[in-house]
Amino acid sequence: MALNLLKFSILLFLFFVVKPSPIVEPRSIKAIKYSFTKTLENLRGIKRGQRVRGMIELKSYLKRFGYLNNYSHNNHFDESVEIALKEYQVFHHLRATGHMDVETIRKMSLPRCGVPDFVTPHDNLKELEILANYSFFQGSPKWEESKRALTYKFVSSANVFRMDLVRYAVKNAFQSWSKVSDFTFTEIPFENNIYSYFNLNPNIVIGFHRRKHGDGHPFDGPGRVLAHTFAPQDGRLHFDADESWSTDPGGQSIGSGEGVSWDWVWVWGQGWRRRLPPRSRNREIDLETVTLHEVGHLLGLGHSNVPGSVMYPSYEGVRRNLSQDDKDGITALYGYQNKT
């Protein structure tokens, strides 16, 4: 009996040493990322008066981004949803069919900013007033004249690799807005020095966070809401840490697992396991593009319905240069003359 037990222990040890299997696999981002898209695809062709599973998710989406005020928590496609859907389609320059067609599904499936597109009376994150192509938050809040030299610092609840790259991307975005305004942006070092001592309360706080993070607007994981910002002079800018951020889309991702080695670790009760680097993610999000957009919100701009503008709500690729519509918006808000 003792001999058999010894043989079994030796065989078990050799199994884990000679043929080790990977340690717990990274969670599947793809399954999470495309679940909402699959829900939308199930709604293809649905029209007013029909009942289809997934309608509650569509209603929630339309409400979250300002197109629907209140809705019944059922799968009924009613008149209010049809009107909200048409408004969404008009804003995004789609055919105002009032039903879920291919182009509407494609647009809704894109990653986007968490700030709504239209007015809903809740708080300073959701209050928008559409003016021409660009827009302002309701009441056109802006930074007072004495606050043009703004300071910022990074305070995150989630770790993101390569903060030097993050700082570089954020600095570039700030500089782009400085060129078309009279704002300057200076980072407050984290170190305990004299400069930071006299600037304990920066104007802007930037951070990476996951899910619920204390501001009442939880993130939803990879592939949907990328970031959100509050109206002046709140100063909060939050990025979803679950996204595949990059400063070189198509190249190395910030969160790509740099520094994770192919070493071996002993897991109690399981034996030796090989530590794997994270899987490559299917779609990288350019941090500078998203930051450029969110800084526009920090300064008081809402979303623009002009495709190609930085303040357009959906992420459709790298966009690091302000459009004329973006420049017109900041000029109109702050009354600049011959600045842009």
Protein backbone atom coordinates (compact mmCIF):
# COMPACT_ATOMS: atom_id res chain seq x y z
CA MET A 1 0.00 0.00 0.00
CA ALA A 2 2.77 2.41 1.00
CA LEU A 3 4.74 1.40 -2.12
CA ASN A 4 1.77 2.12 -4.38
CA LEU A 5 1.24 5.49 -2.76
CA LEU A 6 4.92 6.35 -3.30
CA LYS A 7 4.72 5.35 -6.96
CA PHE A 8 1.62 7.46 -7.41
CA SER A 9 3.31 10.49 -5.81
CA ILE A 10 6.37 10.09 -8.06
CA LEU A 11 4.23 9.80 -11.19
CA LEU A 12 2.20 12.84 -10.19
CA PHE A 13 5.37 14.87 -9.58
CA LEU A 14 6.85 13.85 -12.95
CA PHE A 15 3.61 14.73 -14.71
CA PHE A 16 3.74 18.31 -13.50
CA VAL A 17 7.49 18.75 -14.03
CA VAL A 18 7.93 17.02 -17.39
CA LYS A 19 4.66 18.15 -18.90
CA PRO A 20 3.59 21.31 -17.14
CA SER A 21 0.48 23.12 -18.25
CA PRO A 22 -0.03 26.89 -18.26
CA ILE A 23 -1.04 28.66 -15.09
CA VAL A 24 -4.59 30.01 -15.06
CA GLU A 25 -5.27 31.37 -18.56
CA PRO A 26 -5.99 35.05 -18.96
CA ARG A 27 -9.70 35.77 -19.17
CA SER A 28 -11.19 35.84 -22.62
CA ILE A 29 -11.56 39.45 -23.69
CA LYS A 30 -13.08 38.56 -27.03
CA ALA A 31 -16.14 36.95 -25.46
CA ILE A 32 -16.80 40.02 -23.31
CA LYS A 33 -16.00 42.49 -26.05
CA TYR A 34 -18.43 41.24 -28.63
CA SER A 35 -21.36 40.16 -26.45
CA PHE A 36 -23.16 43.50 -26.94
CA THR A 37 -22.58 43.33 -30.70
CA LYS A 38 -24.16 39.89 -30.79
CA THR A 39 -27.14 41.24 -28.87
CA LEU A 40 -27.54 44.01 -31.44
CA GLU A 41 -27.27 41.56 -34.32
CA ASN A 42 -30.16 39.59 -32.83
CA LEU A 43 -32.23 42.78 -33.13
CA ARG A 44 -31.52 43.26 -36.84
CA GLY A 45 -34.67 44.25 -38.70
CA ILE A 46 -36.82 44.67 -35.60
CA LYS A 47 -39.48 47.37 -35.87
CA ARG A 48 -42.02 49.13 -33.72
CA GLY A 49 -44.59 46.83 -32.16
CA GLN A 50 -42.38 43.75 -32.02
CA ARG A 51 -40.99 41.97 -28.98
CA VAL A 52 -37.49 40.52 -29.15
CA ARG A 53 -35.02 39.44 -26.52
CA GLY A 54 -32.28 42.04 -26.17
CA MET A 55 -34.51 45.11 -26.38
CA ILE A 56 -33.76 45.99 -22.76
CA GLU A 57 -30.05 46.27 -23.63
CA LEU A 58 -30.86 48.52 -26.58
CA LYS A 59 -33.07 50.74 -24.42
CA SER A 60 -30.32 50.97 -21.82
CA TYR A 61 -27.82 52.02 -24.49
CA LEU A 62 -30.12 54.73 -25.86
CA LYS A 63 -30.82 56.04 -22.36
CA ARG A 64 -27.17 56.02 -21.34
CA PHE A 65 -26.17 58.19 -24.27
CA GLY A 66 -29.01 60.68 -24.00
CA TYR A 67 -31.56 59.56 -26.59
CA LEU A 68 -34.15 58.02 -24.27
CA ASN A 69 -35.40 59.39 -20.95
CA ASN A 70 -37.41 56.66 -19.28
CA TYR A 71 -38.28 53.23 -20.60
CA SER A 72 -40.21 50.13 -19.63
CA HIS A 73 -38.01 47.18 -18.64
CA ASN A 74 -39.36 44.73 -21.16
CA ASN A 75 -38.52 43.55 -24.69
CA HIS A 76 -41.21 45.62 -26.40
CA PHE A 77 -40.14 47.94 -29.23
CA ASP A 78 -42.50 50.86 -28.55
CA GLU A 79 -42.91 54.34 -30.00
CA SER A 80 -40.42 55.98 -27.61
CA VAL A 81 -37.69 53.56 -28.72
CA GLU A 82 -38.46 54.22 -32.38
CA ILE A 83 -38.17 57.98 -31.86
CA ALA A 84 -34.95 57.61 -29.86
CA LEU A 85 -33.48 55.34 -32.52
CA LYS A 86 -34.29 57.85 -35.26
CA GLU A 87 -32.61 60.62 -33.27
CA TYR A 88 -29.54 58.43 -32.89
CA GLN A 89 -29.49 57.75 -36.62
CA VAL A 90 -29.86 61.41 -37.52
CA PHE A 91 -27.04 62.44 -35.18
CA HIS A 92 -24.73 59.84 -36.72
CA HIS A 93 -25.73 60.65 -40.32
CA LEU A 94 -27.47 57.33 -40.86
CA ARG A 95 -30.77 56.71 -42.62
CA ALA A 96 -33.52 57.55 -40.12
CA THR A 97 -35.35 54.25 -40.53
CA GLY A 98 -36.35 53.86 -36.89
CA HIS A 99 -35.37 50.20 -36.90
CA MET A 100 -32.19 48.23 -36.39
CA ASP A 101 -30.43 48.06 -39.74
CA VAL A 102 -26.87 46.98 -40.53
CA GLU A 103 -25.33 50.48 -40.38
CA THR A 104 -26.97 51.29 -37.06
CA ILE A 105 -25.70 48.05 -35.55
CA ARG A 106 -22.19 48.74 -36.86
CA LYS A 107 -22.17 52.23 -35.37
CA MET A 108 -23.49 51.12 -31.99
CA SER A 109 -20.88 48.35 -31.86
CA LEU A 110 -17.98 50.81 -32.01
CA PRO A 111 -16.08 51.77 -28.85
CA ARG A 112 -16.99 55.27 -27.76
CA CYS A 113 -16.82 57.99 -25.13
CA GLY A 114 -19.05 57.62 -22.08
CA VAL A 115 -20.36 61.20 -22.23
CA PRO A 116 -23.90 61.29 -23.71
CA ASP A 117 -24.76 62.98 -26.98
CA PHE A 118 -27.93 64.77 -25.89
CA VAL A 119 -29.50 66.45 -22.88
CA THR A 120 -30.82 64.30 -20.03
CA PRO A 121 -31.44 66.05 -16.68
CA HIS A 122 -29.19 64.18 -14.25
CA ASP A 123 -25.75 65.64 -13.58
CA ASN A 124 -22.85 67.46 -15.16
CA LEU A 125 -21.70 64.34 -17.01
CA LYS A 126 -25.00 63.92 -18.80
CA GLU A 127 -26.14 67.46 -19.55
CA LEU A 128 -25.51 68.39 -23.16
CA GLU A 129 -26.97 71.08 -25.35
CA ILE A 130 -26.55 70.68 -29.12
CA LEU A 131 -25.47 73.82 -30.95
CA ALA A 132 -24.68 73.63 -34.67
CA ASN A 133 -22.17 70.82 -35.24
CA TYR A 134 -20.07 71.12 -32.09
CA SER A 135 -21.82 71.27 -28.72
CA PHE A 136 -21.42 72.47 -25.16
CA PHE A 137 -22.49 71.08 -21.81
CA GLN A 138 -25.82 72.51 -20.70
CA GLY A 139 -25.39 76.07 -19.55
CA SER A 140 -22.06 76.29 -21.41
CA PRO A 141 -19.86 75.85 -18.30
CA LYS A 142 -16.23 76.81 -18.80
CA TRP A 143 -13.11 77.54 -16.82
CA GLU A 144 -13.10 81.00 -15.25
CA GLU A 145 -10.71 83.57 -16.65
CA SER A 146 -8.31 83.26 -13.72
CA LYS A 147 -7.82 79.58 -14.52
CA ARG A 148 -5.89 79.32 -17.74
CA ALA A 149 -2.70 77.75 -16.39
CA LEU A 150 -4.18 74.39 -15.41
CA THR A 151 -2.35 71.70 -13.47
CA TYR A 152 -2.95 67.98 -13.61
CA LYS A 153 -1.82 64.77 -11.95
CA PHE A 154 -2.34 61.03 -12.35
CA VAL A 155 -4.27 59.14 -9.69
CA SER A 156 -5.29 55.63 -10.73
CA SER A 157 -6.92 52.70 -8.98
CA ALA A 158 -5.63 50.25 -11.61
CA ASN A 159 -2.11 49.70 -12.89
CA VAL A 160 -1.24 50.35 -16.52
CA PHE A 161 2.13 49.48 -17.97
CA ARG A 162 4.60 52.10 -19.13
CA MET A 163 3.46 55.31 -17.47
CA ASP A 164 6.16 57.15 -19.38
CA LEU A 165 4.23 56.39 -22.58
CA VAL A 166 0.97 57.40 -20.94
CA ARG A 167 2.45 60.74 -19.90
CA TYR A 168 3.80 61.36 -23.38
CA ALA A 169 0.42 60.73 -25.03
CA VAL A 170 -1.44 62.88 -22.52
CA LYS A 171 1.07 65.72 -22.88
CA ASN A 172 0.70 65.68 -26.67
CA ALA A 173 -3.09 65.90 -26.36
CA PHE A 174 -2.86 68.87 -24.01
CA GLN A 175 -0.43 70.63 -26.34
CA SER A 176 -2.84 70.26 -29.26
CA TRP A 177 -5.54 72.15 -27.35
CA SER A 178 -3.03 74.73 -26.09
CA LYS A 179 -2.26 75.68 -29.70
CA VAL A 180 -5.87 76.72 -30.33
CA SER A 181 -6.62 78.28 -26.94
CA ASP A 182 -4.97 80.27 -24.16
CA PHE A 183 -4.73 77.28 -21.82
CA THR A 184 -1.50 75.75 -20.57
CA PHE A 185 -1.24 72.38 -18.82
CA THR A 186 1.44 71.38 -16.33
CA GLU A 187 1.76 68.04 -14.61
CA ILE A 188 2.22 68.05 -10.85
CA PRO A 189 4.93 65.53 -10.01
CA PHE A 190 3.93 62.80 -7.63
CA GLU A 191 7.10 63.33 -5.59
CA ASN A 192 6.88 65.25 -2.35
CA ASN A 193 8.62 68.45 -3.33
CA ILE A 194 8.01 72.17 -2.86
CA TYR A 195 6.13 72.51 -6.15
CA SER A 196 3.65 69.77 -5.33
CA TYR A 197 3.34 71.06 -1.74
CA PHE A 198 1.86 74.33 -2.96
CA ASN A 199 -0.33 72.56 -5.55
CA LEU A 200 -2.10 69.96 -3.47
CA ASN A 201 -5.33 70.39 -5.41
CA PRO A 202 -4.67 70.13 -9.16
CA ASN A 203 -7.27 71.39 -11.58
CA ILE A 204 -7.37 68.05 -13.41
CA VAL A 205 -7.05 64.49 -12.10
CA ILE A 206 -6.43 61.74 -14.65
CA GLY A 207 -6.69 58.06 -13.87
CA PHE A 208 -7.18 54.51 -15.08
CA HIS A 209 -9.97 52.59 -13.37
CA ARG A 210 -12.03 49.41 -13.69
CA ARG A 211 -15.77 48.91 -13.33
CA LYS A 212 -17.12 50.79 -10.28
CA HIS A 213 -14.60 53.43 -9.26
CA GLY A 214 -16.48 55.87 -7.07
CA ASP A 215 -17.92 58.45 -9.48
CA GLY A 216 -21.31 56.84 -10.12
CA HIS A 217 -20.42 55.92 -13.69
CA PRO A 218 -18.87 52.42 -13.68
CA PHE A 219 -16.94 51.20 -16.69
CA ASP A 220 -18.19 48.18 -18.63
CA GLY A 221 -15.05 46.25 -19.49
CA PRO A 222 -13.26 45.98 -22.84
CA GLY A 223 -14.63 47.32 -26.09
CA ARG A 224 -17.50 49.66 -25.24
CA VAL A 225 -17.05 52.85 -23.17
CA LEU A 226 -13.39 53.88 -23.35
CA ALA A 227 -13.35 56.91 -21.07
CA HIS A 228 -15.46 59.67 -19.60
CA THR A 229 -14.94 63.21 -18.38
CA PHE A 230 -16.92 65.72 -16.36
CA ALA A 231 -17.81 69.28 -17.30
CA PRO A 232 -15.76 72.31 -16.16
CA GLN A 233 -14.60 72.94 -13.57
CA ASP A 234 -14.83 69.41 -12.21
CA GLY A 235 -11.57 68.26 -13.76
CA ARG A 236 -11.95 64.46 -13.60
CA LEU A 237 -10.83 62.38 -16.60
CA HIS A 238 -11.16 58.60 -16.29
CA PHE A 239 -9.95 55.86 -18.64
CA ASP A 240 -11.20 52.29 -18.61
CA ALA A 241 -8.19 50.23 -17.54
CA ASP A 242 -9.64 47.12 -19.19
CA GLU A 243 -9.10 48.50 -22.70
CA SER A 244 -6.14 47.54 -24.84
CA TRP A 245 -4.44 50.93 -24.75
CA SER A 246 -1.59 51.74 -27.08
CA THR A 247 0.53 54.70 -28.09
CA ASP A 248 1.41 52.96 -31.33
CA PRO A 249 -1.67 51.16 -32.72
CA GLY A 250 -0.51 48.16 -34.65
CA GLY A 251 2.65 48.14 -32.57
CA GLN A 252 3.18 47.51 -28.90
CA SER A 253 0.29 47.90 -26.50
CA ILE A 254 0.78 49.69 -23.19
CA GLY A 255 -0.95 46.83 -21.46
CA SER A 256 0.60 44.14 -23.60
CA GLY A 257 2.39 42.48 -20.71
CA GLU A 258 5.85 43.87 -21.25
CA GLY A 259 8.21 42.45 -18.67
CA VAL A 260 6.21 39.24 -18.12
CA SER A 261 8.64 36.37 -18.59
CA TRP A 262 8.10 32.76 -19.65
CA ASP A 263 9.19 31.49 -16.25
CA TRP A 264 7.93 28.66 -14.11
CA VAL A 265 6.05 28.97 -10.84
CA TRP A 266 5.05 26.42 -8.24
CA VAL A 267 1.33 26.38 -7.46
CA TRP A 268 0.51 24.60 -4.22
CA GLY A 269 -1.63 21.56 -4.88
CA GLN A 270 -1.10 21.78 -8.65
CA GLY A 271 2.65 21.56 -9.15
CA TRP A 272 4.76 23.49 -11.62
CA ARG A 273 2.98 25.82 -14.01
CA ARG A 274 4.30 27.93 -16.84
CA ARG A 275 3.53 31.63 -16.54
CA LEU A 276 2.28 32.90 -19.91
CA PRO A 277 2.34 36.50 -21.15
CA PRO A 278 -1.11 37.97 -21.77
CA ARG A 279 -2.72 37.17 -25.09
CA SER A 280 -2.48 39.80 -27.77
CA ARG A 281 -5.69 41.77 -27.98
CA ASN A 282 -7.65 42.08 -31.17
CA ARG A 283 -8.06 45.84 -31.23
CA GLU A 284 -5.77 48.46 -29.79
CA ILE A 285 -7.06 51.88 -28.75
CA ASP A 286 -4.84 54.90 -29.35
CA LEU A 287 -4.46 56.69 -26.03
CA GLU A 288 -3.59 60.07 -27.53
CA THR A 289 -6.71 60.03 -29.74
CA VAL A 290 -9.00 59.31 -26.80
CA THR A 291 -7.21 61.81 -24.55
CA LEU A 292 -7.50 64.53 -27.17
CA HIS A 293 -11.26 63.91 -27.22
CA GLU A 294 -11.62 63.85 -23.43
CA VAL A 295 -9.61 67.05 -22.95
CA GLY A 296 -12.18 68.72 -25.20
CA HIS A 297 -14.79 67.71 -22.60
CA LEU A 298 -12.56 68.97 -19.79
CA LEU A 299 -12.58 72.38 -21.47
CA GLY A 300 -16.36 72.37 -21.92
CA LEU A 301 -17.04 70.91 -25.36
CA GLY A 302 -19.72 68.27 -25.86
CA HIS A 303 -19.94 65.86 -28.75
CA SER A 304 -19.91 66.89 -32.38
CA ASN A 305 -21.97 65.16 -35.03
CA VAL A 306 -19.27 65.87 -37.63
CA PRO A 307 -17.57 62.60 -38.66
CA GLY A 308 -13.82 63.12 -38.63
CA SER A 309 -13.86 65.64 -35.80
CA VAL A 310 -12.01 64.84 -32.60
CA MET A 311 -15.21 65.44 -30.60
CA TYR A 312 -17.18 62.84 -32.56
CA PRO A 313 -18.37 60.31 -29.93
CA SER A 314 -17.26 57.03 -31.57
CA TYR A 315 -13.72 55.74 -31.80
CA GLU A 316 -12.99 54.91 -35.44
CA GLY A 317 -9.21 54.88 -35.45
CA VAL A 318 -6.27 57.19 -34.81
CA ARG A 319 -7.21 60.88 -34.91
CA ARG A 320 -4.57 63.16 -33.41
CA ASN A 321 -5.30 66.45 -35.18
CA LEU A 322 -8.08 68.87 -34.30
CA SER A 323 -10.59 69.49 -37.09
CA GLN A 324 -11.98 72.89 -38.00
CA ASP A 325 -15.18 71.99 -36.17
CA ASP A 326 -13.20 71.32 -32.98
CA LYS A 327 -11.41 74.65 -33.33
CA ASP A 328 -14.66 76.48 -34.02
CA GLY A 329 -16.18 74.94 -30.91
CA ILE A 330 -13.45 76.05 -28.51
CA THR A 331 -13.37 79.49 -30.16
CA ALA A 332 -17.12 79.91 -29.74
CA LEU A 333 -17.08 78.76 -26.12
CA TYR A 334 -14.27 81.05 -24.96
CA GLY A 335 -14.74 83.89 -27.43
CA TYR A 336 -11.27 83.79 -28.94
CA GLN A 337 -10.41 86.13 -31.76
CA ASN A 338 -8.12 84.91 -34.54
CA LYS A 339 -6.80 82.10 -32.31
CA THR A 340 -7.64 79.17 -34.57
